[in-house]
C-alpha atoms as a PDB file:
ATOM      1  CA  MET A   1     213.494 327.415 149.467  1.00  0.00           C
ATOM      2  CA  THR A   2     210.396 326.856 152.175  1.00  0.00           C
ATOM      3  CA  ARG A   3     212.891 324.930 154.280  1.00  0.00           C
ATOM      4  CA  ASN A   4     215.878 327.583 153.761  1.00  0.00           C
ATOM      5  CA  LEU A   5     213.231 330.105 154.776  1.00  0.00           C
ATOM      6  CA  ARG A   6     212.200 328.461 157.806  1.00  0.00           C
ATOM      7  CA  THR A   7     215.768 327.812 158.938  1.00  0.00           C
ATOM      8  CA  LEU A   8     216.568 331.506 158.569  1.00  0.00           C
ATOM      9  CA  ILE A   9     213.311 332.533 160.589  1.00  0.00           C
ATOM     10  CA  GLY A  10     214.423 329.668 163.433  1.00  0.00           C
ATOM     11  CA  TRP A  11     217.747 330.956 163.320  1.00  0.00           C
ATOM     12  CA  GLY A  12     216.109 334.777 163.726  1.00  0.00           C
ATOM     13  CA  ALA A  13     214.031 333.749 166.540  1.00  0.00           C
ATOM     14  CA  VAL A  14     217.011 332.271 168.401  1.00  0.00           C
ATOM     15  CA  LEU A  15     219.066 335.337 167.892  1.00  0.00           C
ATOM     16  CA  ALA A  16     216.201 337.397 169.064  1.00  0.00           C
ATOM     17  CA  THR A  17     215.641 335.253 172.438  1.00  0.00           C
ATOM     18  CA  ALA A  18     219.322 335.409 172.924  1.00  0.00           C
ATOM     19  CA  THR A  19     219.481 339.015 172.432  1.00  0.00           C
ATOM     20  CA  ALA A  20     216.441 339.651 174.818  1.00  0.00           C
ATOM     21  CA  ALA A  21     217.599 337.319 177.284  1.00  0.00           C
ATOM     22  CA  THR A  22     221.148 339.254 177.363  1.00  0.00           C
ATOM     23  CA  VAL A  23     219.175 342.421 177.720  1.00  0.00           C
ATOM     24  CA  THR A  24     217.386 340.909 181.013  1.00  0.00           C
ATOM     25  CA  VAL A  25     220.285 339.669 182.382  1.00  0.00           C
ATOM     26  CA  GLY A  26     222.317 343.070 182.006  1.00  0.00           C
ATOM     27  CA  ALA A  27     219.080 344.942 183.349  1.00  0.00           C
ATOM     28  CA  THR A  28     218.818 343.151 186.610  1.00  0.00           C
ATOM     29  CA  ALA A  29     222.112 341.707 187.203  1.00  0.00           C
ATOM     30  CA  GLY A  30     224.029 344.905 187.976  1.00  0.00           C
ATOM     31  CA  GLY A  31     223.316 347.992 190.266  1.00  0.00           C
ATOM     32  CA  PRO A  32     221.447 350.891 190.226  1.00  0.00           C
ATOM     33  CA  PRO A  33     220.693 352.043 186.389  1.00  0.00           C
ATOM     34  CA  ASN A  34     222.657 354.764 185.219  1.00  0.00           C
ATOM     35  CA  PRO A  35     220.816 358.311 185.319  1.00  0.00           C
ATOM     36  CA  PRO A  36     219.894 359.979 182.182  1.00  0.00           C
ATOM     37  CA  PRO A  37     221.900 363.166 181.557  1.00  0.00           C
ATOM     38  CA  ALA A  38     220.217 366.137 183.260  1.00  0.00           C
ATOM     39  CA  GLY A  39     221.350 368.590 180.165  1.00  0.00           C
ATOM     40  CA  PRO A  40     224.266 369.655 177.912  1.00  0.00           C
ATOM     41  CA  GLN A  41     227.481 369.328 179.451  1.00  0.00           C
ATOM     42  CA  ALA A  42     229.627 372.380 179.362  1.00  0.00           C
ATOM     43  CA  ARG A  43     233.007 371.660 178.004  1.00  0.00           C
ATOM     44  CA  PRO A  44     235.863 374.088 178.460  1.00  0.00           C
ATOM     45  CA  THR A  45     237.653 375.332 175.125  1.00  0.00           C
ATOM     46  CA  ALA A  46     240.665 377.026 174.775  1.00  0.00           C
ATOM     47  CA  GLY A  47     240.899 380.659 176.462  1.00  0.00           C
ATOM     48  CA  GLN A  48     237.728 379.903 178.719  1.00  0.00           C
ATOM     49  CA  GLY A  49     238.246 379.763 182.368  1.00  0.00           C
ATOM     50  CA  LYS A  50     240.866 380.155 184.970  1.00  0.00           C
ATOM     51  CA  GLU A  51     244.052 378.052 184.937  1.00  0.00           C
ATOM     52  CA  PRO A  52     246.363 378.819 187.486  1.00  0.00           C
ATOM     53  CA  GLN A  53     249.367 380.473 185.710  1.00  0.00           C
ATOM     54  CA  THR A  54     252.677 378.459 186.979  1.00  0.00           C
ATOM     55  CA  GLY A  55     256.009 379.582 186.314  1.00  0.00           C
ATOM     56  CA  PRO A  56     259.190 377.322 185.592  1.00  0.00           C
ATOM     57  CA  ARG A  57     259.277 374.835 188.562  1.00  0.00           C
ATOM     58  CA  ALA A  58     262.530 374.584 190.493  1.00  0.00           C
ATOM     59  CA  THR A  59     265.101 372.223 189.801  1.00  0.00           C
ATOM     60  CA  GLU A  60     264.944 369.377 192.409  1.00  0.00           C
ATOM     61  CA  SER A  61     268.127 368.074 193.237  1.00  0.00           C
ATOM     62  CA  ARG A  62     269.608 365.352 195.647  1.00  0.00           C
ATOM     63  CA  ARG A  63     272.984 364.280 196.410  1.00  0.00           C
ATOM     64  CA  ILE A  64     273.548 360.764 195.850  1.00  0.00           C
ATOM     65  CA  ALA A  65     277.262 360.132 196.798  1.00  0.00           C
ATOM     66  CA  THR A  66     280.387 362.291 198.213  1.00  0.00           C
ATOM     67  CA  SER A  67     283.987 361.205 198.634  1.00  0.00           C
ATOM     68  CA  VAL A  68     286.208 363.554 200.570  1.00  0.00           C
ATOM     69  CA  LEU A  69     290.095 363.098 200.134  1.00  0.00           C
ATOM     70  CA  GLY A  70     291.571 364.396 202.761  1.00  0.00           C
ATOM     71  CA  ARG A  71     291.704 368.355 202.722  1.00  0.00           C
ATOM     72  CA  ASP A  72     292.518 368.462 198.789  1.00  0.00           C
ATOM     73  CA  PHE A  73     289.412 367.312 196.913  1.00  0.00           C
ATOM     74  CA  THR A  74     285.692 366.599 197.749  1.00  0.00           C
ATOM     75  CA  PHE A  75     283.755 365.257 194.970  1.00  0.00           C
ATOM     76  CA  THR A  76     279.936 365.011 194.766  1.00  0.00           C
ATOM     77  CA  LEU A  77     277.548 363.428 192.412  1.00  0.00           C
ATOM     78  CA  THR A  78     273.881 365.320 192.458  1.00  0.00           C
ATOM     79  CA  ALA A  79     270.926 364.160 190.588  1.00  0.00           C
ATOM     80  CA  LEU A  80     268.925 366.925 189.011  1.00  0.00           C
ATOM     81  CA  ARG A  81     265.242 366.175 188.108  1.00  0.00           C
ATOM     82  CA  SER A  82     264.242 367.121 184.746  1.00  0.00           C
ATOM     83  CA  PRO A  83     262.123 370.570 184.712  1.00  0.00           C
ATOM     84  CA  THR A  84     260.203 369.169 181.543  1.00  0.00           C
ATOM     85  CA  ASP A  85     259.918 365.534 182.351  1.00  0.00           C
ATOM     86  CA  PRO A  86     259.417 364.197 186.003  1.00  0.00           C
ATOM     87  CA  LEU A  87     260.792 360.534 185.331  1.00  0.00           C
ATOM     88  CA  ALA A  88     263.670 361.804 183.957  1.00  0.00           C
ATOM     89  CA  ALA A  89     267.087 363.231 185.492  1.00  0.00           C
ATOM     90  CA  SER A  90     270.776 364.252 185.121  1.00  0.00           C
ATOM     91  CA  VAL A  91     273.453 363.595 186.967  1.00  0.00           C
ATOM     92  CA  ARG A  92     276.053 366.593 188.142  1.00  0.00           C
ATOM     93  CA  LEU A  93     279.829 365.944 189.047  1.00  0.00           C
ATOM     94  CA  GLN A  94     281.327 368.843 190.883  1.00  0.00           C
ATOM     95  CA  VAL A  95     284.922 369.133 192.551  1.00  0.00           C
ATOM     96  CA  PHE A  96     285.695 371.370 195.263  1.00  0.00           C
ATOM     97  CA  THR A  97     288.994 372.353 196.753  1.00  0.00           C
ATOM     98  CA  PHE A  98     289.956 373.562 199.872  1.00  0.00           C
ATOM     99  CA  LYS A  99     291.034 377.206 199.561  1.00  0.00           C
ATOM    100  CA  ASP A 100     291.584 379.921 201.914  1.00  0.00           C
ATOM    101  CA  GLY A 101     290.118 378.149 204.724  1.00  0.00           C
ATOM    102  CA  ALA A 102     286.758 376.918 202.890  1.00  0.00           C
ATOM    103  CA  TRP A 103     285.683 374.527 200.447  1.00  0.00           C
ATOM    104  CA  ARG A 104     284.902 376.307 196.958  1.00  0.00           C
ATOM    105  CA  GLU A 105     283.890 374.598 193.999  1.00  0.00           C
ATOM    106  CA  SER A 106     286.402 374.535 191.157  1.00  0.00           C
ATOM    107  CA  ASP A 107     284.426 372.665 188.499  1.00  0.00           C
ATOM    108  CA  ARG A 108     281.322 370.696 187.533  1.00  0.00           C
ATOM    109  CA  ALA A 109     280.324 368.596 184.655  1.00  0.00           C
ATOM    110  CA  LEU A 110     277.602 366.141 183.406  1.00  0.00           C
ATOM    111  CA  VAL A 111     277.796 362.798 183.674  1.00  0.00           C
ATOM    112  CA  GLY A 112     276.341 361.199 180.550  1.00  0.00           C
ATOM    113  CA  GLU A 113     274.086 363.127 178.557  1.00  0.00           C
ATOM    114  CA  THR A 114     270.967 365.857 180.033  1.00  0.00           C
ATOM    115  CA  ASP A 115     268.012 363.979 181.136  1.00  0.00           C
ATOM    116  CA  ALA A 116     269.567 360.609 180.413  1.00  0.00           C
ATOM    117  CA  TRP A 117     268.751 358.810 183.425  1.00  0.00           C
ATOM    118  CA  PHE A 118     265.631 358.086 185.405  1.00  0.00           C
ATOM    119  CA  TRP A 119     264.877 359.820 188.492  1.00  0.00           C
ATOM    120  CA  PHE A 120     263.467 357.164 190.694  1.00  0.00           C
ATOM    121  CA  PRO A 121     266.026 354.337 190.267  1.00  0.00           C
ATOM    122  CA  LEU A 122     268.990 357.325 190.746  1.00  0.00           C
ATOM    123  CA  THR A 123     268.007 358.624 193.694  1.00  0.00           C
ATOM    124  CA  GLY A 124     266.920 355.216 195.243  1.00  0.00           C
ATOM    125  CA  ARG A 125     268.668 352.595 196.996  1.00  0.00           C
ATOM    126  CA  HIS A 126     271.878 350.914 195.447  1.00  0.00           C
ATOM    127  CA  ALA A 127     271.700 353.926 192.651  1.00  0.00           C
ATOM    128  CA  VAL A 128     275.360 354.075 192.668  1.00  0.00           C
ATOM    129  CA  CYS A 129     277.239 351.149 191.455  1.00  0.00           C
ATOM    130  CA  GLU A 130     280.531 352.369 191.319  1.00  0.00           C
ATOM    131  CA  PHE A 131     282.049 355.998 192.571  1.00  0.00           C
ATOM    132  CA  SER A 132     285.793 355.589 193.147  1.00  0.00           C
ATOM    133  CA  THR A 133     288.272 358.739 193.622  1.00  0.00           C
ATOM    134  CA  ALA A 134     292.001 358.634 194.274  1.00  0.00           C
ATOM    135  CA  GLY A 135     294.046 361.308 195.693  1.00  0.00           C
ATOM    136  CA  THR A 136     297.040 360.897 192.994  1.00  0.00           C
ATOM    137  CA  GLU A 137     297.755 363.833 190.850  1.00  0.00           C
ATOM    138  CA  PRO A 138     295.798 363.535 188.129  1.00  0.00           C
ATOM    139  CA  ALA A 139     293.012 362.120 190.385  1.00  0.00           C
ATOM    140  CA  PRO A 140     291.318 359.297 188.614  1.00  0.00           C
ATOM    141  CA  VAL A 141     287.482 359.315 189.314  1.00  0.00           C
ATOM    142  CA  ALA A 142     285.273 356.522 188.022  1.00  0.00           C
ATOM    143  CA  VAL A 143     281.124 356.769 187.868  1.00  0.00           C
ATOM    144  CA  SER A 144     278.628 353.747 187.222  1.00  0.00           C
ATOM    145  CA  LEU A 145     275.211 354.575 188.331  1.00  0.00           C
ATOM    146  CA  LEU A 146     271.877 351.997 188.186  1.00  0.00           C
ATOM    147  CA  ILE A 147     270.206 352.759 185.179  1.00  0.00           C
ATOM    148  CA  THR A 148     267.016 350.635 186.267  1.00  0.00           C
ATOM    149  CA  PRO A 149     266.757 347.516 188.517  1.00  0.00           C
ATOM    150  CA  SER A 150     266.184 345.495 185.789  1.00  0.00           C
ATOM    151  CA  THR A 151     268.766 346.839 183.286  1.00  0.00           C
ATOM    152  CA  GLY A 152     271.520 346.917 185.913  1.00  0.00           C
ATOM    153  CA  CYS A 153     274.471 349.609 186.088  1.00  0.00           C
ATOM    154  CA  SER A 154     275.474 351.955 183.726  1.00  0.00           C
ATOM    155  CA  PRO A 155     279.359 351.572 181.918  1.00  0.00           C
ATOM    156  CA  THR A 156     281.888 353.126 183.799  1.00  0.00           C
ATOM    157  CA  GLU A 157     282.480 356.891 183.046  1.00  0.00           C
ATOM    158  CA  ASN A 158     286.107 357.772 183.658  1.00  0.00           C
ATOM    159  CA  TYR A 159     287.403 361.407 184.714  1.00  0.00           C
ATOM    160  CA  ARG A 160     290.432 362.806 185.725  1.00  0.00           C
ATOM    161  CA  ILE A 161     290.614 365.731 187.786  1.00  0.00           C
ATOM    162  CA  GLU A 162     294.031 368.012 186.797  1.00  0.00           C
ATOM    163  CA  ASN A 163     294.444 371.439 188.641  1.00  0.00           C
ATOM    164  CA  GLY A 164     290.805 371.008 190.155  1.00  0.00           C
ATOM    165  CA  ARG A 165     289.450 370.749 186.540  1.00  0.00           C
ATOM    166  CA  ILE A 166     287.104 367.682 185.261  1.00  0.00           C
ATOM    167  CA  ILE A 167     288.609 365.953 182.012  1.00  0.00           C
ATOM    168  CA  PRO A 168     286.448 363.040 180.567  1.00  0.00           C
ATOM    169  CA  VAL A 169     288.786 360.147 179.650  1.00  0.00           C
END
């Protein structure tokens, strides 16, 4: 029993010495000591303070591809940044027809789902993997976009344009 007590006391002395050494090294090794808090820190709660009221954010858009087929059709792909998630985006396909001396939008559709794309890969270099159009009737349109650089391109979405209207295939 005495032997066990001496062992425990010995371990206690080793532990106390190690702890003191750690405290001493910690106090002398770093920069200036942390100052004590000056007083209670005020923490804002709901309803206190004035926060700027912001309205709905304007949708940021960027044209990522255009195809002009003579004087019949113009197709555009536009990235639309999500108003709720700054990393998400949607893609809009628009068809313009030339009537009465001006290009007029005849139809628009989303490519994929709303906010299903990532904004930065979609608006960066090499974002459009495939965007093919043809001037035949009905006009076929194929779209494939970059999901992420590591994932690669999306499956091709196919559409046809009949009388200026977009029809998913």
